[in-house]
Each structure stands twice: as C-alpha cells, then as structure tokens.
Amino acid sequence: MYDFQRKRVYDWENAQSWFTREISYLTEQQVRLIIERLDKIFKRNTTIKFKNGRGGSWAVENEVHLRKSWALNYGVIFHEYAHILTKDLHGRQFICAYCNLLNLFHPKQPSFDELCQTMYQFRVSHDCFDEWRRKHKLSRRHEPFESVPEIQVVEKPKKKRVSAKQRVMKLLEEYSFLHVEGPTETDTPTPWVYGQFDSSGDPNDPWCDFHYCEGNSWLEIERRCLDYIKLWNAGVKGEYQEG
C-alpha cells in the first residue's frame, strides 16, 4: 500500500502546539498507564517496547515501539496508537483515529475545527470524524489525560539484579578464609561451606557439625558465609592465618 500522505502528516503535526517532538516528558510508567486505559476503551491488548537510541518509533500489529529519548509524549503516543487502530498507514482512516484521540484524550483537546483548518494548510486528507467516533462508541464521557510539564524526564537506570550466587562469588573473592565446596566448581547440588575455623571442629564454629547445606540453595550458602564474616569482623578468626 502506498503511503501517499506520510510526509504531509509529519509536517502537519510537527507544526502544531499540541505536538512535542524530541522531548520525552512522560515516564515509562505513565506511558504504560496511558496505553492500558486506551486498551480498555478500545478492547485491545497492546505490548509496549521501550527502545534506546535515536532511531524512529513505530507500531505494528499489537506492538508499540517508543524511543525513550524523545517519544514518550502524548503526541507520539496517540500517533502510534492510531496505527494500532487502523490499517491504512497514514491514510484517511488513520487521521480519523488520530484526531479523535487528540480531541478526546490529549490534555489540550484540540477541536475538530482547529485540526481541520491546520490539516487543510498541509493538504492532509481524512474521512468523517463523527462516523469514526460513533463506530467506536466514543463520547465526551471520556476524560482527557492529565496535563504534565513538557520537560524532559530523566529516569534513573534500573538497578541490575544480582543473584545469590553472584553475591556469594563476590564474598569468596573478598574474604579469602571462606570456602565453598561443590557448586562453585561443578554447579552440582553438593554445597559444603567452611569459614575461618578448623574443619575438624571448633566450638566457635556455628556450623562445626553441619557444613553441608540442606536444600542446595545459594541463599543458604550466602547466609552461612555472612555468619562467618560476622564472626570474623567481631574478632573470632579461628585457626585461619592471613597471607
């Protein structure tokens, strides 16, 4: 299908006060809530994929791909969601969907008259707005989304999840008196944990009679390592000789 007015649509929306390009003034969580609400209204199940980098944003089938750096704003979201609702690229039905989303849900709620006047200047074609609205049973009972400052949002990077196994490996590197037999070498479920005490038995060793970890859990291995470290920091160093 030939996308006969793609450039016209881009030129038109980039010239409007309700369209903000190059600024992500919504958080990822706000975007998820917006899509969830639209999905409920239009009975859709849309997947959102946030993308890094400076490339484009797009929608295909039931997926919306949004650039974190510039596309997390109402204008781009409604543009891409209109693609979810229609199948004619940037054609007349797409414009009907897009303008209805803007008129009902954008905080600035541009009127149909305003939208038509500006589209005429850019030779953007569209079908009947009211017919599309009736088809999808839309009305003014739907409240617009909240207005937010159009300032670039800088989200803190998510903390990388660290597994119990990774934490144990770090402890083994940091405290040379710790020793774990079994899973560190073969990853088989035979963990035995030793600390700074003589393995033959030491009354100060909290695990002197029970070095084997039941349950084969890395969390349990970590707990025992921390027990030995706590004693070490308290000055209970057993028979271990540093160096």
Protein backbone atom coordinates (compact mmCIF):
# COMPACT_ATOMS: atom_id res chain seq x y z
CA MET A 1 0.00 0.00 0.00
CA TYR A 2 1.37 3.40 -0.99
CA ASP A 3 1.66 5.78 1.97
CA PHE A 4 0.51 8.79 -0.04
CA GLN A 5 0.49 11.43 2.71
CA ARG A 6 3.13 10.30 5.17
CA LYS A 7 5.30 13.40 4.77
CA ARG A 8 2.26 15.70 4.87
CA VAL A 9 1.16 14.19 8.17
CA TYR A 10 4.63 14.59 9.68
CA ASP A 11 4.89 18.20 8.50
CA TRP A 12 1.41 18.97 9.81
CA GLU A 13 1.82 17.53 13.30
CA ASN A 14 5.32 18.98 13.76
CA ALA A 15 3.82 22.45 13.24
CA GLN A 16 1.14 22.08 15.94
CA SER A 17 1.24 23.32 19.53
CA TRP A 18 -0.16 20.03 20.85
CA PHE A 19 2.67 18.01 19.30
CA THR A 20 6.02 17.93 21.05
CA ARG A 21 8.87 16.20 19.30
CA GLU A 22 12.30 15.42 20.71
CA ILE A 23 11.11 15.63 24.34
CA SER A 24 10.08 12.68 26.50
CA TYR A 25 8.09 14.41 29.22
CA LEU A 26 6.30 11.24 30.38
CA THR A 27 7.79 8.41 32.41
CA GLU A 28 7.66 4.81 31.25
CA GLN A 29 5.11 4.06 33.95
CA GLN A 30 2.89 6.94 32.81
CA VAL A 31 3.06 5.62 29.25
CA ARG A 32 2.04 2.15 30.42
CA LEU A 33 -0.99 3.58 32.23
CA ILE A 34 -1.99 5.61 29.15
CA ILE A 35 -1.83 2.55 26.89
CA GLU A 36 -3.67 0.43 29.46
CA ARG A 37 -6.52 2.92 29.58
CA LEU A 38 -6.73 3.16 25.78
CA ASP A 39 -6.66 -0.63 25.53
CA LYS A 40 -9.57 -0.86 27.93
CA ILE A 41 -11.60 1.62 25.89
CA PHE A 42 -10.78 0.08 22.51
CA LYS A 43 -10.65 -3.52 23.75
CA ARG A 44 -7.05 -4.06 22.72
CA ASN A 45 -4.04 -5.78 24.22
CA THR A 46 -1.06 -3.67 23.27
CA THR A 47 2.55 -4.51 24.07
CA ILE A 48 4.86 -1.55 24.67
CA LYS A 49 8.55 -1.85 23.86
CA PHE A 50 10.80 0.99 25.01
CA LYS A 51 13.84 1.45 22.81
CA ASN A 52 17.19 3.08 23.44
CA GLY A 53 19.00 5.24 20.89
CA ARG A 54 17.91 7.90 18.44
CA GLY A 55 16.03 5.87 15.83
CA GLY A 56 12.36 6.01 14.97
CA SER A 57 9.23 4.91 16.80
CA TRP A 58 6.58 2.73 15.20
CA ALA A 59 3.59 0.48 15.71
CA VAL A 60 2.96 -2.91 14.16
CA GLU A 61 0.06 -5.28 14.82
CA ASN A 62 -0.43 -5.00 18.60
CA GLU A 63 3.02 -3.62 19.46
CA VAL A 64 4.11 -0.03 20.01
CA HIS A 65 7.85 0.70 19.89
CA LEU A 66 8.81 4.00 21.53
CA ARG A 67 12.20 5.69 21.80
CA LYS A 68 12.97 6.58 25.38
CA SER A 69 14.95 9.66 24.40
CA TRP A 70 12.21 11.55 22.54
CA ALA A 71 8.95 9.62 22.00
CA LEU A 72 7.41 9.44 25.48
CA ASN A 73 4.89 12.22 24.99
CA TYR A 74 1.18 12.45 24.20
CA GLY A 75 1.53 13.40 20.54
CA VAL A 76 3.75 10.47 19.59
CA ILE A 77 1.78 8.01 21.72
CA PHE A 78 -1.53 8.95 20.09
CA HIS A 79 0.09 8.86 16.65
CA GLU A 80 1.36 5.33 17.18
CA TYR A 81 -1.83 4.15 18.85
CA ALA A 82 -3.81 5.40 15.85
CA HIS A 83 -1.73 2.95 13.80
CA ILE A 84 -2.83 0.17 16.15
CA LEU A 85 -6.48 1.09 15.47
CA THR A 86 -6.19 1.37 11.68
CA LYS A 87 -4.54 -0.40 8.76
CA ASP A 88 -4.13 2.36 6.12
CA LEU A 89 -0.68 3.66 7.10
CA HIS A 90 -1.10 7.48 7.26
CA GLY A 91 -4.31 7.44 5.26
CA ARG A 92 -7.74 8.95 5.87
CA GLN A 93 -8.85 6.40 8.48
CA PHE A 94 -5.58 6.84 10.37
CA ILE A 95 -6.21 10.60 10.50
CA CYS A 96 -9.74 10.00 11.81
CA ALA A 97 -8.40 7.81 14.61
CA TYR A 98 -5.54 10.19 15.38
CA CYS A 99 -7.74 13.29 15.53
CA ASN A 100 -10.32 11.57 17.72
CA LEU A 101 -7.59 10.52 20.14
CA LEU A 102 -6.26 14.08 20.21
CA ASN A 103 -9.70 15.66 20.61
CA LEU A 104 -10.81 13.35 23.42
CA PHE A 105 -7.67 12.39 25.29
CA HIS A 106 -4.91 14.97 24.74
CA PRO A 107 -4.75 17.44 27.67
CA LYS A 108 -5.01 20.36 25.17
CA GLN A 109 -8.00 18.75 23.40
CA PRO A 110 -7.66 20.48 20.02
CA SER A 111 -11.09 20.91 18.40
CA PHE A 112 -12.06 19.27 15.13
CA ASP A 113 -12.35 22.73 13.57
CA GLU A 114 -8.81 23.59 14.61
CA LEU A 115 -7.48 20.25 13.40
CA CYS A 116 -9.27 20.55 10.03
CA GLN A 117 -8.07 24.10 9.45
CA THR A 118 -4.44 23.20 10.08
CA MET A 119 -4.66 19.98 8.05
CA TYR A 120 -6.06 21.92 5.10
CA GLN A 121 -2.89 24.02 5.06
CA PHE A 122 -0.80 20.84 4.69
CA ARG A 123 -3.22 19.06 2.30
CA VAL A 124 -3.86 16.21 4.76
CA SER A 125 -6.95 14.18 3.86
CA HIS A 126 -9.31 12.47 6.28
CA ASP A 127 -12.64 10.67 6.49
CA CYS A 128 -15.59 11.67 8.67
CA PHE A 129 -14.55 12.17 12.29
CA ASP A 130 -18.06 11.74 13.70
CA GLU A 131 -18.65 8.49 11.85
CA TRP A 132 -15.42 7.02 13.21
CA ARG A 133 -16.36 8.19 16.71
CA ARG A 134 -19.81 6.61 16.51
CA LYS A 135 -18.31 3.38 15.20
CA HIS A 136 -16.09 3.12 18.27
CA LYS A 137 -18.80 4.38 20.68
CA LEU A 138 -16.73 7.32 21.89
CA SER A 139 -18.12 10.38 23.63
CA ARG A 140 -17.23 13.23 25.97
CA ARG A 141 -17.72 10.90 28.91
CA HIS A 142 -14.05 10.02 28.39
CA GLU A 143 -11.83 12.39 30.33
CA PRO A 144 -8.58 13.68 28.80
CA PHE A 145 -5.27 12.59 30.29
CA GLU A 146 -3.69 14.86 32.85
CA SER A 147 -1.58 17.79 31.80
CA VAL A 148 2.08 17.49 32.75
CA PRO A 149 5.05 19.86 32.35
CA GLU A 150 6.64 19.38 28.95
CA ILE A 151 10.11 18.96 30.40
CA GLN A 152 12.47 16.12 29.54
CA VAL A 153 12.17 13.33 32.09
CA VAL A 154 15.42 11.67 33.10
CA GLU A 155 14.64 8.31 34.64
CA LYS A 156 17.14 6.64 36.93
CA PRO A 157 18.61 3.49 35.41
CA LYS A 158 17.16 0.32 36.84
CA LYS A 159 19.36 -1.47 39.32
CA LYS A 160 20.79 -4.63 37.87
CA ARG A 161 19.50 -7.71 39.66
CA VAL A 162 22.25 -9.61 41.45
CA SER A 163 21.62 -13.27 42.21
CA ALA A 164 22.56 -15.03 45.44
CA LYS A 165 25.16 -17.00 43.51
CA GLN A 166 26.77 -13.77 42.23
CA ARG A 167 26.80 -12.34 45.75
CA VAL A 168 28.46 -15.49 47.09
CA MET A 169 31.14 -15.36 44.41
CA LYS A 170 31.88 -11.77 45.36
CA LEU A 171 32.17 -12.73 49.04
CA LEU A 172 34.60 -15.55 48.16
CA GLU A 173 36.80 -13.05 46.31
CA GLU A 174 36.69 -10.54 49.17
CA TYR A 175 37.17 -12.95 52.10
CA SER A 176 39.90 -15.50 51.45
CA PHE A 177 39.02 -17.57 54.55
CA LEU A 178 35.67 -18.58 53.05
CA HIS A 179 35.49 -21.80 51.10
CA VAL A 180 32.55 -23.42 49.35
CA GLU A 181 32.92 -26.94 48.01
CA GLY A 182 30.71 -28.29 45.27
CA PRO A 183 28.64 -25.74 43.39
CA THR A 184 31.44 -23.27 42.74
CA GLU A 185 33.37 -25.88 40.78
CA THR A 186 30.76 -28.13 39.20
CA ASP A 187 27.44 -26.35 39.83
CA THR A 188 26.14 -29.64 41.23
CA PRO A 189 23.92 -29.67 44.32
CA THR A 190 26.59 -30.64 46.88
CA PRO A 191 27.38 -27.42 48.76
CA TRP A 192 29.66 -27.51 51.79
CA VAL A 193 30.55 -24.18 53.41
CA TYR A 194 33.63 -23.55 55.56
CA GLY A 195 34.90 -20.44 57.27
CA GLN A 196 37.94 -19.46 59.29
CA PHE A 197 37.76 -22.49 61.61
CA ASP A 198 39.50 -25.86 61.58
CA SER A 199 37.23 -28.15 59.58
CA SER A 200 37.70 -30.92 62.16
CA GLY A 201 35.56 -28.98 64.59
CA ASP A 202 35.80 -25.79 66.58
CA PRO A 203 33.34 -24.79 69.32
CA ASN A 204 33.30 -21.26 67.94
CA ASP A 205 32.22 -22.51 64.52
CA PRO A 206 28.41 -22.10 64.34
CA TRP A 207 28.30 -24.83 61.67
CA CYS A 208 31.01 -27.16 63.01
CA ASP A 209 28.73 -30.20 62.90
CA PHE A 210 26.74 -29.23 59.85
CA HIS A 211 28.80 -27.80 56.98
CA TYR A 212 26.54 -29.41 54.39
CA CYS A 213 23.77 -27.05 53.19
CA GLU A 214 20.45 -28.81 53.05
CA GLY A 215 18.19 -27.62 50.29
CA ASN A 216 21.14 -26.88 47.99
CA SER A 217 20.26 -23.19 47.99
CA TRP A 218 22.61 -20.35 47.09
CA LEU A 219 20.66 -18.21 49.56
CA GLU A 220 21.58 -20.67 52.32
CA ILE A 221 25.22 -20.67 51.21
CA GLU A 222 25.18 -16.88 51.32
CA ARG A 223 23.64 -16.89 54.82
CA ARG A 224 26.37 -19.16 56.16
CA CYS A 225 29.11 -17.09 54.54
CA LEU A 226 27.66 -13.98 56.19
CA ASP A 227 27.63 -15.79 59.55
CA TYR A 228 31.35 -16.46 59.22
CA ILE A 229 32.05 -12.89 58.10
CA LYS A 230 30.14 -11.51 61.09
CA LEU A 231 32.29 -13.57 63.45
CA TRP A 232 35.44 -12.54 61.60
CA ASN A 233 34.56 -8.86 61.95
CA ALA A 234 33.93 -9.46 65.64
CA GLY A 235 37.48 -10.80 66.04
CA VAL A 236 36.65 -14.50 66.07
CA LYS A 237 39.18 -15.69 63.48
CA GLY A 238 39.72 -19.33 64.48
CA GLU A 239 42.81 -21.07 63.10
CA TYR A 240 42.94 -19.09 59.86
CA GLN A 241 46.24 -17.40 59.11
CA GLU A 242 46.13 -14.50 56.66
CA GLY A 243 48.68 -14.36 53.87
